[in-house]
Amino acid sequence: MRVIVAGCGGRMGRMLVRAVSEAEGATLAGASEQAGPSQFGRDAGEVAGVGALGVPIVTEASQLPPADVLIDFTAPSATLEHAALVAERGMRMVIGTTGFTDAQLEQLRNTLTASPVVMASNYSVGVNLALQLIRETAGVLGDDYDVEITEAHHRHKADAPSGTALSMGRAVAEGRGADFDKAVVYNREGLTGERQSGEIGFSVIRAGNIVGEHNVMFASPEERLEIRHIASDRMAFARGAVRAAAWLMDQPAGWYGMQDVLNLK
């Protein structure tokens, strides 16, 4: 499996390069970075701290070599550019980028209609197991239990709530058979009045170098149940993404999630 890592110089990109280099049957075929000229031409393995891999970093998508799959954890505009390359060359794509607008998501799907794609807000195996538990728990407890979702990430994260937190909220809504968009509450300030039945509340923390923490609280007047996931190393996400890439090698064109990769559906 020949893999391209887009955004290879960032925190997540370096982890992806390392994960590909360590994965059996995977080879880093190409690497790109748009952050600036300082990394252009350098070996992607050296930038990732795993030693020379013989793969120079390029700044233009068109300069990337042939490959089987492209892994992208960058930004919406860059992901759309990489998606066009994937479609043109008949590759597969693993997308971990979050923060898309509805219009960007529509453009992405239209671009990749003939491509096998895995897209997920979180590639951690633990998080995806948590999503399954959250969906089942919400179905059992129903609206008798209030739900609050708290998430914390590093100070550099650009979007909020995180894509993972939103996925957890949607899992709650699916379990209840509710409309997520009507149940969600993102902000509370001032005299908000008492909490309404069925609400799914969100709280966001951005501080320091927190990798990722998510907590879903189900609370009734008599008891409280919490489903919590803490990521201590981005390698959990990177290994999951490489696992998704390998899984895609045997899949037809279509859109999949990590729940498909892990056979949790």
Protein backbone atom coordinates (compact mmCIF):
# COMPACT_ATOMS: atom_id res chain seq x y z
CA MET A 1 0.00 0.00 0.00
CA ARG A 2 1.56 3.26 -1.18
CA VAL A 3 0.47 6.18 1.01
CA ILE A 4 0.64 9.96 0.62
CA VAL A 5 0.46 12.07 3.79
CA ALA A 6 -0.80 15.61 3.25
CA GLY A 7 0.23 18.21 5.81
CA CYS A 8 3.18 16.06 6.86
CA GLY A 9 4.94 18.82 8.80
CA GLY A 10 2.18 19.50 11.33
CA ARG A 11 1.64 17.78 14.67
CA MET A 12 -0.75 15.21 13.24
CA GLY A 13 1.09 14.94 9.94
CA ARG A 14 4.33 13.94 11.60
CA MET A 15 2.48 11.24 13.54
CA LEU A 16 0.91 9.95 10.33
CA VAL A 17 4.32 9.68 8.66
CA ARG A 18 5.58 7.74 11.66
CA ALA A 19 2.52 5.45 11.68
CA VAL A 20 2.88 4.69 7.96
CA SER A 21 6.59 3.96 8.38
CA GLU A 22 5.81 1.50 11.19
CA ALA A 23 2.82 -0.22 9.57
CA GLU A 24 3.36 -3.62 7.95
CA GLY A 25 2.62 -3.54 4.24
CA ALA A 26 2.59 0.27 4.04
CA THR A 27 5.10 2.53 2.29
CA LEU A 28 5.27 6.31 2.37
CA ALA A 29 5.11 7.28 -1.30
CA GLY A 30 4.72 11.04 -0.98
CA ALA A 31 4.35 13.91 1.46
CA SER A 32 3.22 17.51 1.15
CA GLU A 33 3.16 20.57 3.35
CA GLN A 34 1.79 24.05 2.68
CA ALA A 35 3.02 25.71 5.87
CA GLY A 36 6.06 27.40 4.33
CA PRO A 37 9.31 27.00 2.42
CA SER A 38 11.41 25.86 5.41
CA GLN A 39 10.39 22.19 4.96
CA PHE A 40 10.31 22.09 1.16
CA GLY A 41 12.63 19.41 -0.18
CA ARG A 42 13.43 17.97 3.24
CA ASP A 43 12.96 14.27 3.86
CA ALA A 44 9.51 13.64 5.40
CA GLY A 45 10.91 10.93 7.65
CA GLU A 46 13.55 13.24 9.08
CA VAL A 47 10.94 15.93 9.78
CA ALA A 48 8.81 13.29 11.54
CA GLY A 49 11.80 12.09 13.57
CA VAL A 50 11.91 8.55 12.17
CA GLY A 51 14.97 8.89 9.96
CA ALA A 52 15.32 9.33 6.22
CA LEU A 53 12.62 7.61 4.15
CA GLY A 54 13.69 8.93 0.77
CA VAL A 55 10.51 10.99 0.40
CA PRO A 56 11.05 14.73 -0.20
CA ILE A 57 8.35 17.14 0.96
CA VAL A 58 6.58 19.02 -1.83
CA THR A 59 4.37 22.09 -1.62
CA GLU A 60 2.08 21.51 -4.61
CA ALA A 61 -0.41 18.66 -4.86
CA SER A 62 0.46 18.22 -8.52
CA GLN A 63 4.04 17.34 -7.51
CA LEU A 64 2.96 14.30 -5.51
CA PRO A 65 3.89 10.88 -6.95
CA PRO A 66 1.49 8.02 -7.80
CA ALA A 67 0.00 6.27 -4.75
CA ASP A 68 -2.88 4.08 -3.63
CA VAL A 69 -4.31 6.27 -0.87
CA LEU A 70 -3.97 9.82 0.41
CA ILE A 71 -4.39 10.58 4.13
CA ASP A 72 -5.46 14.15 4.88
CA PHE A 73 -5.67 15.81 8.31
CA THR A 74 -5.20 19.40 7.15
CA ALA A 75 -7.77 22.20 6.69
CA PRO A 76 -10.99 22.29 4.65
CA SER A 77 -9.60 24.33 1.73
CA ALA A 78 -6.49 22.12 1.44
CA THR A 79 -8.56 18.94 1.73
CA LEU A 80 -10.72 20.06 -1.18
CA GLU A 81 -7.59 20.57 -3.28
CA HIS A 82 -6.27 17.12 -2.36
CA ALA A 83 -9.67 15.56 -3.07
CA ALA A 84 -9.51 16.85 -6.64
CA LEU A 85 -6.12 15.10 -7.02
CA VAL A 86 -7.51 11.86 -5.57
CA ALA A 87 -10.44 11.90 -7.99
CA GLU A 88 -8.22 12.72 -10.97
CA ARG A 89 -5.79 9.88 -10.24
CA GLY A 90 -8.28 7.26 -9.09
CA MET A 91 -6.87 6.97 -5.58
CA ARG A 92 -8.53 6.33 -2.23
CA MET A 93 -8.77 8.95 0.52
CA VAL A 94 -8.80 8.98 4.31
CA ILE A 95 -10.08 12.31 5.67
CA GLY A 96 -9.61 13.45 9.25
CA THR A 97 -10.11 17.17 8.60
CA THR A 98 -12.93 18.85 10.53
CA GLY A 99 -14.55 22.29 10.42
CA PHE A 100 -16.12 22.05 6.94
CA THR A 101 -19.05 24.28 6.05
CA ASP A 102 -22.12 22.62 4.54
CA ALA A 103 -21.12 24.00 1.13
CA GLN A 104 -17.60 22.60 1.44
CA LEU A 105 -18.92 19.19 2.44
CA GLU A 106 -21.21 19.15 -0.58
CA GLN A 107 -18.29 20.08 -2.84
CA LEU A 108 -16.15 17.35 -1.26
CA ARG A 109 -18.78 14.69 -1.82
CA ASN A 110 -19.37 15.81 -5.40
CA THR A 111 -15.64 15.64 -6.10
CA LEU A 112 -15.21 12.14 -4.65
CA THR A 113 -18.34 10.43 -5.99
CA ALA A 114 -16.28 7.71 -7.72
CA SER A 115 -13.67 7.24 -4.96
CA PRO A 116 -13.49 4.96 -1.90
CA VAL A 117 -13.38 7.36 1.08
CA VAL A 118 -13.22 7.00 4.84
CA MET A 119 -14.16 10.21 6.64
CA ALA A 120 -14.30 10.43 10.42
CA SER A 121 -14.05 13.09 13.08
CA ASN A 122 -11.83 10.79 15.14
CA TYR A 123 -9.78 7.73 14.14
CA SER A 124 -9.11 6.44 17.64
CA VAL A 125 -10.42 2.92 18.16
CA GLY A 126 -11.37 3.89 21.72
CA VAL A 127 -13.42 6.90 20.61
CA ASN A 128 -15.32 4.84 18.07
CA LEU A 129 -16.14 2.22 20.69
CA ALA A 130 -17.30 5.11 22.92
CA LEU A 131 -19.63 6.34 20.16
CA GLN A 132 -21.26 2.93 20.07
CA LEU A 133 -21.70 2.94 23.85
CA ILE A 134 -23.09 6.49 23.79
CA ARG A 135 -25.68 5.59 21.14
CA GLU A 136 -26.83 2.52 23.07
CA THR A 137 -26.86 4.34 26.42
CA ALA A 138 -28.93 7.22 25.04
CA GLY A 139 -31.46 4.75 23.66
CA VAL A 140 -31.88 3.06 27.02
CA LEU A 141 -31.99 6.20 29.19
CA GLY A 142 -34.01 8.44 26.88
CA ASP A 143 -35.00 12.00 27.73
CA ASP A 144 -35.29 11.22 31.44
CA TYR A 145 -31.55 11.87 31.64
CA ASP A 146 -29.98 15.24 30.81
CA VAL A 147 -26.97 15.09 28.48
CA GLU A 148 -23.96 17.40 28.63
CA ILE A 149 -20.87 16.97 26.45
CA THR A 150 -17.57 18.52 27.51
CA GLU A 151 -14.48 18.55 25.33
CA ALA A 152 -10.96 19.93 25.79
CA HIS A 153 -8.18 20.44 23.25
CA HIS A 154 -4.90 22.33 22.81
CA ARG A 155 -4.86 26.08 22.38
CA HIS A 156 -4.16 25.87 18.62
CA LYS A 157 -7.31 23.97 17.61
CA ALA A 158 -9.30 26.16 15.24
CA ASP A 159 -12.83 24.70 15.35
CA ALA A 160 -15.25 24.27 18.25
CA PRO A 161 -16.94 22.14 19.36
CA SER A 162 -14.58 19.46 18.11
CA GLY A 163 -15.73 17.14 15.36
CA THR A 164 -15.55 14.28 17.84
CA ALA A 165 -17.80 16.07 20.32
CA LEU A 166 -20.33 16.73 17.56
CA SER A 167 -20.21 13.05 16.59
CA MET A 168 -20.92 12.16 20.20
CA GLY A 169 -23.88 14.54 20.25
CA ARG A 170 -25.24 13.01 17.06
CA ALA A 171 -24.81 9.55 18.60
CA VAL A 172 -26.99 10.69 21.52
CA ALA A 173 -29.63 12.01 19.12
CA GLU A 174 -29.56 8.80 17.07
CA GLY A 175 -29.96 6.69 20.18
CA ARG A 176 -32.97 8.77 21.25
CA GLY A 177 -34.46 8.99 17.78
CA ALA A 178 -34.23 12.79 18.06
CA ASP A 179 -33.32 15.63 15.68
CA PHE A 180 -29.80 16.71 16.67
CA ASP A 181 -30.08 20.21 15.19
CA LYS A 182 -33.20 20.92 17.25
CA ALA A 183 -31.80 19.45 20.49
CA VAL A 184 -28.32 20.99 20.51
CA VAL A 185 -27.38 23.90 22.81
CA TYR A 186 -23.94 25.42 22.21
CA ASN A 187 -23.98 28.52 24.39
CA ARG A 188 -25.39 29.41 27.79
CA GLU A 189 -24.98 32.92 29.14
CA GLY A 190 -27.06 35.19 31.32
CA LEU A 191 -30.63 34.33 32.29
CA THR A 192 -31.15 31.25 30.15
CA GLY A 193 -34.09 29.80 32.06
CA GLU A 194 -34.22 26.23 33.25
CA ARG A 195 -32.97 23.39 31.16
CA GLN A 196 -35.43 21.92 28.66
CA SER A 197 -36.04 18.19 28.36
CA GLY A 198 -34.12 16.57 25.51
CA GLU A 199 -31.39 19.21 25.21
CA ILE A 200 -27.84 18.15 24.30
CA GLY A 201 -25.47 20.71 25.80
CA PHE A 202 -21.87 21.41 24.83
CA SER A 203 -18.97 22.95 26.74
CA VAL A 204 -15.57 23.68 25.19
CA ILE A 205 -12.09 24.12 26.68
CA ARG A 206 -9.03 25.32 24.73
CA ALA A 207 -5.81 25.36 26.75
CA GLY A 208 -2.16 24.39 26.70
CA ASN A 209 -1.21 21.21 24.88
CA ILE A 210 -4.24 19.01 25.65
CA VAL A 211 -4.33 16.28 22.98
CA GLY A 212 -8.04 15.55 23.31
CA GLU A 213 -10.52 14.84 26.10
CA HIS A 214 -14.23 14.11 25.70
CA ASN A 215 -16.87 13.40 28.32
CA VAL A 216 -20.57 12.63 27.84
CA MET A 217 -22.63 12.97 31.02
CA PHE A 218 -26.07 11.39 31.42
CA ALA A 219 -27.64 12.84 34.57
CA SER A 220 -30.97 12.31 36.30
CA PRO A 221 -32.02 13.65 39.70
CA GLU A 222 -31.00 10.32 41.22
CA GLU A 223 -27.79 9.31 39.44
CA ARG A 224 -25.16 10.21 36.88
CA LEU A 225 -23.40 8.08 34.26
CA GLU A 226 -20.38 9.33 32.29
CA ILE A 227 -18.62 7.97 29.22
CA ARG A 228 -15.16 9.48 28.97
CA HIS A 229 -12.27 9.23 26.53
CA ILE A 230 -8.82 10.75 27.05
CA ALA A 231 -6.19 10.74 24.30
CA SER A 232 -2.66 11.03 25.66
CA ASP A 233 -0.84 10.58 22.33
CA ARG A 234 -1.84 11.53 18.76
CA MET A 235 -0.43 8.20 17.61
CA ALA A 236 -3.81 6.66 18.54
CA PHE A 237 -5.41 8.74 15.78
CA ALA A 238 -2.58 8.13 13.31
CA ARG A 239 -2.62 4.35 13.69
CA GLY A 240 -6.40 4.35 13.26
CA ALA A 241 -6.08 6.35 10.05
CA VAL A 242 -3.51 3.93 8.61
CA ARG A 243 -5.79 1.06 9.60
CA ALA A 244 -8.61 2.78 7.68
CA ALA A 245 -6.34 3.23 4.66
CA ALA A 246 -5.50 -0.48 4.60
CA TRP A 247 -9.20 -1.36 4.93
CA LEU A 248 -10.06 0.89 1.98
CA MET A 249 -7.80 -1.10 -0.34
CA ASP A 250 -10.51 -3.77 -0.64
CA GLN A 251 -13.55 -1.47 -0.78
CA PRO A 252 -15.55 -0.18 -3.76
CA ALA A 253 -16.25 3.50 -4.31
CA GLY A 254 -18.34 4.95 -1.51
CA TRP A 255 -18.29 6.92 1.72
CA TYR A 256 -17.41 5.08 4.92
CA GLY A 257 -16.67 5.86 8.57
CA MET A 258 -14.55 4.27 11.26
CA GLN A 259 -17.64 2.41 12.43
CA ASP A 260 -17.44 0.56 9.08
CA VAL A 261 -13.70 -0.02 9.39
CA LEU A 262 -14.13 -1.52 12.87
CA ASN A 263 -17.29 -3.45 11.89
CA LEU A 264 -19.31 -1.73 14.62
CA LYS A 265 -22.42 -1.13 12.49
